[in-house]
Full PDB file with SEQRES, HELIX, SHEET, SSBOND, CRYST1, ORIGX, SCALE, CONECT and MASTER records, all heavy atoms in Angstrom:
SEQRES   1 A   31  LYS GLN VAL LEU SER LEU TYR ARG SER PHE LEU ARG ALA          
SEQRES   2 A   31  GLY LYS GLY LYS PRO GLY PHE LEU PRO GLN ILE ARG ALA          
SEQRES   3 A   31  GLU PHE GLN LYS ASN                                          
HELIX    1 AA1 GLN A    2  GLY A   14  1                                  13    
HELIX    2 AA2 PHE A   20  LYS A   30  1                                  11    
CRYST1    1.000    1.000    1.000  90.00  90.00  90.00 P 1           1          
ORIGX1      1.000000  0.000000  0.000000        0.00000                         
ORIGX2      0.000000  1.000000  0.000000        0.00000                         
ORIGX3      0.000000  0.000000  1.000000        0.00000                         
SCALE1      1.000000  0.000000  0.000000        0.00000                         
SCALE2      0.000000  1.000000  0.000000        0.00000                         
SCALE3      0.000000  0.000000  1.000000        0.00000                         
ATOM      1  N   LYS A   1       0.850  -1.201   0.003  1.00  0.00           N  
ATOM      2  CA  LYS A   1      -0.011  -0.006   0.006  1.00  0.00           C  
ATOM      3  C   LYS A   1       0.868   1.242   0.006  1.00  0.00           C  
ATOM      4  O   LYS A   1       0.563   2.234  -0.657  1.00  0.00           O  
ATOM      5  CB  LYS A   1      -0.923   0.007   1.208  1.00  0.00           C  
ATOM      6  CG  LYS A   1      -2.061  -0.986   1.084  1.00  0.00           C  
ATOM      7  CD  LYS A   1      -2.938  -1.002   2.314  1.00  0.00           C  
ATOM      8  CE  LYS A   1      -4.036  -2.042   2.194  1.00  0.00           C  
ATOM      9  NZ  LYS A   1      -4.838  -2.167   3.407  1.00  0.00           N  
ATOM     10  N   GLN A   2       1.976   1.223   0.738  1.00  0.00           N  
ATOM     11  CA  GLN A   2       2.871   2.373   0.775  1.00  0.00           C  
ATOM     12  C   GLN A   2       3.493   2.628  -0.604  1.00  0.00           C  
ATOM     13  O   GLN A   2       3.618   3.752  -1.065  1.00  0.00           O  
ATOM     14  CB  GLN A   2       3.990   2.144   1.808  1.00  0.00           C  
ATOM     15  CG  GLN A   2       3.491   2.238   3.209  1.00  0.00           C  
ATOM     16  CD  GLN A   2       4.598   1.881   4.220  1.00  0.00           C  
ATOM     17  OE1 GLN A   2       5.207   0.838   4.158  1.00  0.00           O  
ATOM     18  NE2 GLN A   2       4.868   2.803   5.140  1.00  0.00           N  
ATOM     19  N   VAL A   3       3.890   1.532  -1.287  1.00  0.00           N  
ATOM     20  CA  VAL A   3       4.498   1.656  -2.610  1.00  0.00           C  
ATOM     21  C   VAL A   3       3.489   2.199  -3.601  1.00  0.00           C  
ATOM     22  O   VAL A   3       3.770   3.116  -4.381  1.00  0.00           O  
ATOM     23  CB  VAL A   3       5.060   0.293  -3.098  1.00  0.00           C  
ATOM     24  CG1 VAL A   3       5.460   0.363  -4.551  1.00  0.00           C  
ATOM     25  CG2 VAL A   3       6.245  -0.114  -2.223  1.00  0.00           C  
ATOM     26  N   LEU A   4       2.251   1.645  -3.556  1.00  0.00           N  
ATOM     27  CA  LEU A   4       1.228   2.119  -4.468  1.00  0.00           C  
ATOM     28  C   LEU A   4       0.884   3.613  -4.194  1.00  0.00           C  
ATOM     29  O   LEU A   4       0.682   4.377  -5.143  1.00  0.00           O  
ATOM     30  CB  LEU A   4      -0.051   1.284  -4.321  1.00  0.00           C  
ATOM     31  CG  LEU A   4       0.077  -0.147  -4.826  1.00  0.00           C  
ATOM     32  CD1 LEU A   4      -1.135  -1.011  -4.430  1.00  0.00           C  
ATOM     33  CD2 LEU A   4       0.262  -0.164  -6.339  1.00  0.00           C  
ATOM     34  N   SER A   5       0.857   3.998  -2.960  1.00  0.00           N  
ATOM     35  CA  SER A   5       0.602   5.400  -2.596  1.00  0.00           C  
ATOM     36  C   SER A   5       1.715   6.308  -3.101  1.00  0.00           C  
ATOM     37  O   SER A   5       1.447   7.361  -3.649  1.00  0.00           O  
ATOM     38  CB  SER A   5       0.449   5.520  -1.078  1.00  0.00           C  
ATOM     39  OG  SER A   5       0.352   6.859  -0.725  1.00  0.00           O  
ATOM     40  N   LEU A   6       2.947   5.844  -2.966  1.00  0.00           N  
ATOM     41  CA  LEU A   6       4.088   6.607  -3.481  1.00  0.00           C  
ATOM     42  C   LEU A   6       4.013   6.763  -4.997  1.00  0.00           C  
ATOM     43  O   LEU A   6       4.240   7.831  -5.537  1.00  0.00           O  
ATOM     44  CB  LEU A   6       5.399   5.917  -3.060  1.00  0.00           C  
ATOM     45  CG  LEU A   6       6.684   6.642  -3.513  1.00  0.00           C  
ATOM     46  CD1 LEU A   6       6.835   7.980  -2.782  1.00  0.00           C  
ATOM     47  CD2 LEU A   6       7.890   5.765  -3.235  1.00  0.00           C  
ATOM     48  N   TYR A   7       3.648   5.660  -5.675  1.00  0.00           N  
ATOM     49  CA  TYR A   7       3.517   5.685  -7.117  1.00  0.00           C  
ATOM     50  C   TYR A   7       2.468   6.716  -7.559  1.00  0.00           C  
ATOM     51  O   TYR A   7       2.703   7.543  -8.446  1.00  0.00           O  
ATOM     52  CB  TYR A   7       3.136   4.304  -7.642  1.00  0.00           C  
ATOM     53  CG  TYR A   7       2.986   4.223  -9.135  1.00  0.00           C  
ATOM     54  CD1 TYR A   7       4.063   4.471  -9.979  1.00  0.00           C  
ATOM     55  CD2 TYR A   7       1.763   3.840  -9.723  1.00  0.00           C  
ATOM     56  CE1 TYR A   7       3.910   4.389 -11.360  1.00  0.00           C  
ATOM     57  CE2 TYR A   7       1.642   3.737 -11.088  1.00  0.00           C  
ATOM     58  CZ  TYR A   7       2.698   4.006 -11.899  1.00  0.00           C  
ATOM     59  OH  TYR A   7       2.565   3.906 -13.280  1.00  0.00           O  
ATOM     60  N   ARG A   8       1.305   6.691  -6.909  1.00  0.00           N  
ATOM     61  CA  ARG A   8       0.258   7.658  -7.256  1.00  0.00           C  
ATOM     62  C   ARG A   8       0.709   9.101  -6.991  1.00  0.00           C  
ATOM     63  O   ARG A   8       0.448   9.995  -7.778  1.00  0.00           O  
ATOM     64  CB  ARG A   8      -1.037   7.363  -6.472  1.00  0.00           C  
ATOM     65  CG  ARG A   8      -1.777   6.142  -7.013  1.00  0.00           C  
ATOM     66  CD  ARG A   8      -3.181   6.004  -6.402  1.00  0.00           C  
ATOM     67  NE  ARG A   8      -3.118   5.806  -4.961  1.00  0.00           N  
ATOM     68  CZ  ARG A   8      -3.041   4.608  -4.383  1.00  0.00           C  
ATOM     69  NH1 ARG A   8      -2.988   3.526  -5.098  1.00  0.00           N  
ATOM     70  NH2 ARG A   8      -3.024   4.541  -3.060  1.00  0.00           N  
ATOM     71  N   SER A   9       1.432   9.299  -5.907  1.00  0.00           N  
ATOM     72  CA  SER A   9       1.962  10.631  -5.570  1.00  0.00           C  
ATOM     73  C   SER A   9       2.962  11.103  -6.606  1.00  0.00           C  
ATOM     74  O   SER A   9       2.961  12.280  -7.039  1.00  0.00           O  
ATOM     75  CB  SER A   9       2.629  10.600  -4.203  1.00  0.00           C  
ATOM     76  OG  SER A   9       1.683  10.345  -3.182  1.00  0.00           O  
ATOM     77  N   PHE A  10       3.824  10.182  -7.094  1.00  0.00           N  
ATOM     78  CA  PHE A  10       4.781  10.499  -8.119  1.00  0.00           C  
ATOM     79  C   PHE A  10       4.040  10.910  -9.407  1.00  0.00           C  
ATOM     80  O   PHE A  10       4.413  11.876 -10.078  1.00  0.00           O  
ATOM     81  CB  PHE A  10       5.694   9.331  -8.436  1.00  0.00           C  
ATOM     82  CG  PHE A  10       7.044   9.447  -7.783  1.00  0.00           C  
ATOM     83  CD1 PHE A  10       7.363   8.691  -6.679  1.00  0.00           C  
ATOM     84  CD2 PHE A  10       8.027  10.284  -8.330  1.00  0.00           C  
ATOM     85  CE1 PHE A  10       8.604   8.782  -6.085  1.00  0.00           C  
ATOM     86  CE2 PHE A  10       9.260  10.403  -7.740  1.00  0.00           C  
ATOM     87  CZ  PHE A  10       9.578   9.642  -6.631  1.00  0.00           C  
ATOM     88  N   LEU A  11       2.996  10.155  -9.781  1.00  0.00           N  
ATOM     89  CA  LEU A  11       2.269  10.475 -10.999  1.00  0.00           C  
ATOM     90  C   LEU A  11       1.597  11.829 -10.907  1.00  0.00           C  
ATOM     91  O   LEU A  11       1.635  12.609 -11.862  1.00  0.00           O  
ATOM     92  CB  LEU A  11       1.203   9.386 -11.275  1.00  0.00           C  
ATOM     93  CG  LEU A  11       1.760   8.008 -11.665  1.00  0.00           C  
ATOM     94  CD1 LEU A  11       0.623   7.030 -11.877  1.00  0.00           C  
ATOM     95  CD2 LEU A  11       2.672   8.059 -12.855  1.00  0.00           C  
ATOM     96  N   ARG A  12       1.028  12.148  -9.749  1.00  0.00           N  
ATOM     97  CA  ARG A  12       0.412  13.469  -9.565  1.00  0.00           C  
ATOM     98  C   ARG A  12       1.459  14.586  -9.654  1.00  0.00           C  
ATOM     99  O   ARG A  12       1.273  15.591 -10.298  1.00  0.00           O  
ATOM    100  CB  ARG A  12      -0.327  13.551  -8.230  1.00  0.00           C  
ATOM    101  CG  ARG A  12      -1.682  12.866  -8.261  1.00  0.00           C  
ATOM    102  CD  ARG A  12      -2.502  13.226  -7.023  1.00  0.00           C  
ATOM    103  NE  ARG A  12      -1.927  12.756  -5.751  1.00  0.00           N  
ATOM    104  CZ  ARG A  12      -2.092  11.525  -5.271  1.00  0.00           C  
ATOM    105  NH1 ARG A  12      -2.873  10.671  -5.914  1.00  0.00           N  
ATOM    106  NH2 ARG A  12      -1.535  11.200  -4.117  1.00  0.00           N  
ATOM    107  N   ALA A  13       2.586  14.381  -8.977  1.00  0.00           N  
ATOM    108  CA  ALA A  13       3.647  15.402  -8.934  1.00  0.00           C  
ATOM    109  C   ALA A  13       4.299  15.579 -10.318  1.00  0.00           C  
ATOM    110  O   ALA A  13       4.745  16.682 -10.633  1.00  0.00           O  
ATOM    111  CB  ALA A  13       4.688  15.029  -7.907  1.00  0.00           C  
ATOM    112  N   GLY A  14       4.360  14.509 -11.105  1.00  0.00           N  
ATOM    113  CA  GLY A  14       5.053  14.583 -12.396  1.00  0.00           C  
ATOM    114  C   GLY A  14       4.167  15.084 -13.539  1.00  0.00           C  
ATOM    115  O   GLY A  14       4.664  15.372 -14.623  1.00  0.00           O  
ATOM    116  N   LYS A  15       2.876  15.232 -13.291  1.00  0.00           N  
ATOM    117  CA  LYS A  15       1.940  15.625 -14.338  1.00  0.00           C  
ATOM    118  C   LYS A  15       2.307  16.920 -15.044  1.00  0.00           C  
ATOM    119  O   LYS A  15       2.275  17.025 -16.232  1.00  0.00           O  
ATOM    120  CB  LYS A  15       0.530  15.722 -13.800  1.00  0.00           C  
ATOM    121  CG  LYS A  15      -0.298  14.522 -14.116  1.00  0.00           C  
ATOM    122  CD  LYS A  15      -1.749  14.747 -13.736  1.00  0.00           C  
ATOM    123  CE  LYS A  15      -2.479  13.425 -13.963  1.00  0.00           C  
ATOM    124  NZ  LYS A  15      -3.528  13.206 -13.012  1.00  0.00           N  
ATOM    125  N   GLY A  16       2.658  17.927 -14.270  1.00  0.00           N  
ATOM    126  CA  GLY A  16       2.934  19.231 -14.874  1.00  0.00           C  
ATOM    127  C   GLY A  16       4.358  19.398 -15.363  1.00  0.00           C  
ATOM    128  O   GLY A  16       4.763  20.487 -15.761  1.00  0.00           O  
ATOM    129  N   LYS A  17       5.134  18.336 -15.346  1.00  0.00           N  
ATOM    130  CA  LYS A  17       6.552  18.447 -15.726  1.00  0.00           C  
ATOM    131  C   LYS A  17       6.812  17.516 -16.915  1.00  0.00           C  
ATOM    132  O   LYS A  17       6.780  16.313 -16.774  1.00  0.00           O  
ATOM    133  CB  LYS A  17       7.443  18.074 -14.529  1.00  0.00           C  
ATOM    134  CG  LYS A  17       7.163  19.042 -13.363  1.00  0.00           C  
ATOM    135  CD  LYS A  17       8.095  18.887 -12.231  1.00  0.00           C  
ATOM    136  CE  LYS A  17       7.719  19.820 -11.103  1.00  0.00           C  
ATOM    137  NZ  LYS A  17       8.793  20.464 -10.448  1.00  0.00           N  
ATOM    138  N   PRO A  18       7.044  18.097 -18.089  1.00  0.00           N  
ATOM    139  CA  PRO A  18       7.211  17.309 -19.297  1.00  0.00           C  
ATOM    140  C   PRO A  18       8.323  16.268 -19.183  1.00  0.00           C  
ATOM    141  O   PRO A  18       9.409  16.522 -18.687  1.00  0.00           O  
ATOM    142  CB  PRO A  18       7.572  18.332 -20.365  1.00  0.00           C  
ATOM    143  CG  PRO A  18       7.128  19.649 -19.809  1.00  0.00           C  
ATOM    144  CD  PRO A  18       7.199  19.528 -18.305  1.00  0.00           C  
ATOM    145  N   GLY A  19       8.011  15.053 -19.658  1.00  0.00           N  
ATOM    146  CA  GLY A  19       9.018  13.998 -19.688  1.00  0.00           C  
ATOM    147  C   GLY A  19       9.163  13.198 -18.427  1.00  0.00           C  
ATOM    148  O   GLY A  19       9.907  12.211 -18.403  1.00  0.00           O  
ATOM    149  N   PHE A  20       8.492  13.572 -17.387  1.00  0.00           N  
ATOM    150  CA  PHE A  20       8.676  12.894 -16.094  1.00  0.00           C  
ATOM    151  C   PHE A  20       7.883  11.578 -15.996  1.00  0.00           C  
ATOM    152  O   PHE A  20       8.362  10.602 -15.459  1.00  0.00           O  
ATOM    153  CB  PHE A  20       8.273  13.808 -14.921  1.00  0.00           C  
ATOM    154  CG  PHE A  20       9.349  14.756 -14.516  1.00  0.00           C  
ATOM    155  CD1 PHE A  20       9.747  15.779 -15.350  1.00  0.00           C  
ATOM    156  CD2 PHE A  20       9.968  14.643 -13.294  1.00  0.00           C  
ATOM    157  CE1 PHE A  20      10.737  16.662 -14.987  1.00  0.00           C  
ATOM    158  CE2 PHE A  20      10.967  15.543 -12.906  1.00  0.00           C  
ATOM    159  CZ  PHE A  20      11.358  16.532 -13.757  1.00  0.00           C  
ATOM    160  N   LEU A  21       6.649  11.569 -16.513  1.00  0.00           N  
ATOM    161  CA  LEU A  21       5.786  10.389 -16.323  1.00  0.00           C  
ATOM    162  C   LEU A  21       6.376   9.110 -16.903  1.00  0.00           C  
ATOM    163  O   LEU A  21       6.342   8.082 -16.231  1.00  0.00           O  
ATOM    164  CB  LEU A  21       4.397  10.672 -16.867  1.00  0.00           C  
ATOM    165  CG  LEU A  21       3.586  11.733 -16.101  1.00  0.00           C  
ATOM    166  CD1 LEU A  21       2.192  11.898 -16.713  1.00  0.00           C  
ATOM    167  CD2 LEU A  21       3.499  11.379 -14.642  1.00  0.00           C  
ATOM    168  N   PRO A  22       6.925   9.117 -18.144  1.00  0.00           N  
ATOM    169  CA  PRO A  22       7.494   7.856 -18.645  1.00  0.00           C  
ATOM    170  C   PRO A  22       8.647   7.366 -17.770  1.00  0.00           C  
ATOM    171  O   PRO A  22       8.778   6.149 -17.542  1.00  0.00           O  
ATOM    172  CB  PRO A  22       7.997   8.233 -20.040  1.00  0.00           C  
ATOM    173  CG  PRO A  22       7.234   9.442 -20.413  1.00  0.00           C  
ATOM    174  CD  PRO A  22       6.936  10.182 -19.153  1.00  0.00           C  
ATOM    175  N   GLN A  23       9.460   8.259 -17.268  1.00  0.00           N  
ATOM    176  CA  GLN A  23      10.596   7.870 -16.427  1.00  0.00           C  
ATOM    177  C   GLN A  23      10.097   7.294 -15.099  1.00  0.00           C  
ATOM    178  O   GLN A  23      10.635   6.335 -14.603  1.00  0.00           O  
ATOM    179  CB  GLN A  23      11.471   9.129 -16.188  1.00  0.00           C  
ATOM    180  CG  GLN A  23      12.873   8.788 -15.802  1.00  0.00           C  
ATOM    181  CD  GLN A  23      13.762  10.036 -15.810  1.00  0.00           C  
ATOM    182  OE1 GLN A  23      13.405  11.099 -16.327  1.00  0.00           O  
ATOM    183  NE2 GLN A  23      14.926   9.934 -15.226  1.00  0.00           N  
ATOM    184  N   ILE A  24       9.067   7.914 -14.519  1.00  0.00           N  
ATOM    185  CA  ILE A  24       8.481   7.429 -13.286  1.00  0.00           C  
ATOM    186  C   ILE A  24       7.917   6.026 -13.474  1.00  0.00           C  
ATOM    187  O   ILE A  24       8.225   5.092 -12.688  1.00  0.00           O  
ATOM    188  CB  ILE A  24       7.395   8.389 -12.789  1.00  0.00           C  
ATOM    189  CG1 ILE A  24       8.025   9.710 -12.309  1.00  0.00           C  
ATOM    190  CG2 ILE A  24       6.590   7.769 -11.625  1.00  0.00           C  
ATOM    191  CD1 ILE A  24       7.042  10.868 -12.127  1.00  0.00           C  
ATOM    192  N   ARG A  25       7.140   5.855 -14.529  1.00  0.00           N  
ATOM    193  CA  ARG A  25       6.546   4.541 -14.800  1.00  0.00           C  
ATOM    194  C   ARG A  25       7.621   3.474 -14.998  1.00  0.00           C  
ATOM    195  O   ARG A  25       7.493   2.363 -14.477  1.00  0.00           O  
ATOM    196  CB  ARG A  25       5.646   4.628 -16.044  1.00  0.00           C  
ATOM    197  CG  ARG A  25       4.340   5.321 -15.753  1.00  0.00           C  
ATOM    198  CD  ARG A  25       3.360   5.184 -16.931  1.00  0.00           C  
ATOM    199  NE  ARG A  25       2.176   5.947 -16.645  1.00  0.00           N  
ATOM    200  CZ  ARG A  25       1.897   7.116 -17.213  1.00  0.00           C  
ATOM    201  NH1 ARG A  25       2.708   7.676 -18.100  1.00  0.00           N  
ATOM    202  NH2 ARG A  25       0.774   7.751 -16.909  1.00  0.00           N  
ATOM    203  N   ALA A  26       8.645   3.818 -15.740  1.00  0.00           N  
ATOM    204  CA  ALA A  26       9.721   2.858 -16.058  1.00  0.00           C  
ATOM    205  C   ALA A  26      10.427   2.440 -14.782  1.00  0.00           C  
ATOM    206  O   ALA A  26      10.748   1.257 -14.595  1.00  0.00           O  
ATOM    207  CB  ALA A  26      10.705   3.460 -17.045  1.00  0.00           C  
ATOM    208  N   GLU A  27      10.683   3.369 -13.875  1.00  0.00           N  
ATOM    209  CA  GLU A  27      11.397   3.077 -12.652  1.00  0.00           C  
ATOM    210  C   GLU A  27      10.550   2.141 -11.765  1.00  0.00           C  
ATOM    211  O   GLU A  27      11.052   1.145 -11.229  1.00  0.00           O  
ATOM    212  CB  GLU A  27      11.685   4.386 -11.859  1.00  0.00           C  
ATOM    213  CG  GLU A  27      12.385   4.170 -10.559  1.00  0.00           C  
ATOM    214  CD  GLU A  27      13.848   3.719 -10.702  1.00  0.00           C  
ATOM    215  OE1 GLU A  27      14.429   3.774 -11.800  1.00  0.00           O  
ATOM    216  OE2 GLU A  27      14.425   3.296  -9.666  1.00  0.00           O  
ATOM    217  N   PHE A  28       9.265   2.418 -11.652  1.00  0.00           N  
ATOM    218  CA  PHE A  28       8.397   1.543 -10.837  1.00  0.00           C  
ATOM    219  C   PHE A  28       8.231   0.166 -11.491  1.00  0.00           C  
ATOM    220  O   PHE A  28       8.214  -0.841 -10.791  1.00  0.00           O  
ATOM    221  CB  PHE A  28       7.046   2.195 -10.591  1.00  0.00           C  
ATOM    222  CG  PHE A  28       7.067   3.145  -9.379  1.00  0.00           C  
ATOM    223  CD1 PHE A  28       7.473   4.448  -9.537  1.00  0.00           C  
ATOM    224  CD2 PHE A  28       6.678   2.685  -8.135  1.00  0.00           C  
ATOM    225  CE1 PHE A  28       7.515   5.296  -8.423  1.00  0.00           C  
ATOM    226  CE2 PHE A  28       6.731   3.538  -7.040  1.00  0.00           C  
ATOM    227  CZ  PHE A  28       7.131   4.855  -7.175  1.00  0.00           C  
ATOM    228  N   GLN A  29       8.116   0.100 -12.820  1.00  0.00           N  
ATOM    229  CA  GLN A  29       7.989  -1.211 -13.507  1.00  0.00           C  
ATOM    230  C   GLN A  29       9.248  -2.017 -13.271  1.00  0.00           C  
ATOM    231  O   GLN A  29       9.184  -3.221 -13.031  1.00  0.00           O  
ATOM    232  CB  GLN A  29       7.720  -0.975 -14.987  1.00  0.00           C  
ATOM    233  CG  GLN A  29       6.309  -0.574 -15.250  1.00  0.00           C  
ATOM    234  CD  GLN A  29       6.037  -0.236 -16.701  1.00  0.00           C  
ATOM    235  OE1 GLN A  29       6.977   0.032 -17.456  1.00  0.00           O  
ATOM    236  NE2 GLN A  29       4.783  -0.241 -17.105  1.00  0.00           N  
ATOM    237  N   LYS A  30      10.412  -1.363 -13.366  1.00  0.00           N  
ATOM    238  CA  LYS A  30      11.662  -2.092 -13.173  1.00  0.00           C  
ATOM    239  C   LYS A  30      11.719  -2.652 -11.743  1.00  0.00           C  
ATOM    240  O   LYS A  30      12.069  -3.827 -11.540  1.00  0.00           O  
ATOM    241  CB  LYS A  30      12.840  -1.138 -13.408  1.00  0.00           C  
ATOM    242  CG  LYS A  30      14.206  -1.790 -13.251  1.00  0.00           C  
ATOM    243  CD  LYS A  30      15.324  -0.773 -13.337  1.00  0.00           C  
ATOM    244  CE  LYS A  30      15.319   0.004 -12.029  1.00  0.00           C  
ATOM    245  NZ  LYS A  30      16.488   0.754 -11.745  1.00  0.00           N  
ATOM    246  N   ASN A  31      11.349  -1.870 -10.774  1.00  0.00           N  
ATOM    247  CA  ASN A  31      11.416  -2.323  -9.386  1.00  0.00           C  
ATOM    248  C   ASN A  31      10.297  -3.285  -9.000  1.00  0.00           C  
ATOM    249  O   ASN A  31      10.360  -3.910  -7.953  1.00  0.00           O  
ATOM    250  CB  ASN A  31      11.436  -1.117  -8.431  1.00  0.00           C  
ATOM    251  CG  ASN A  31      12.789  -0.374  -8.504  1.00  0.00           C  
ATOM    252  OD1 ASN A  31      13.813  -0.997  -8.762  1.00  0.00           O  
ATOM    253  ND2 ASN A  31      12.758   0.889  -8.285  1.00  0.00           N  
TER     254      ASN A  31                                                      
MASTER        0    0    0    2    0    0    0    6  253    1    0    3          
END                                                                             
């Protein structure tokens, strides 16, 4: 639950910053 919450927080925080979302997704998928 903590990991999922962190992932959702990252997605929200990265929305307004171009290029961040693919990198965030890739990092979580790798881990």
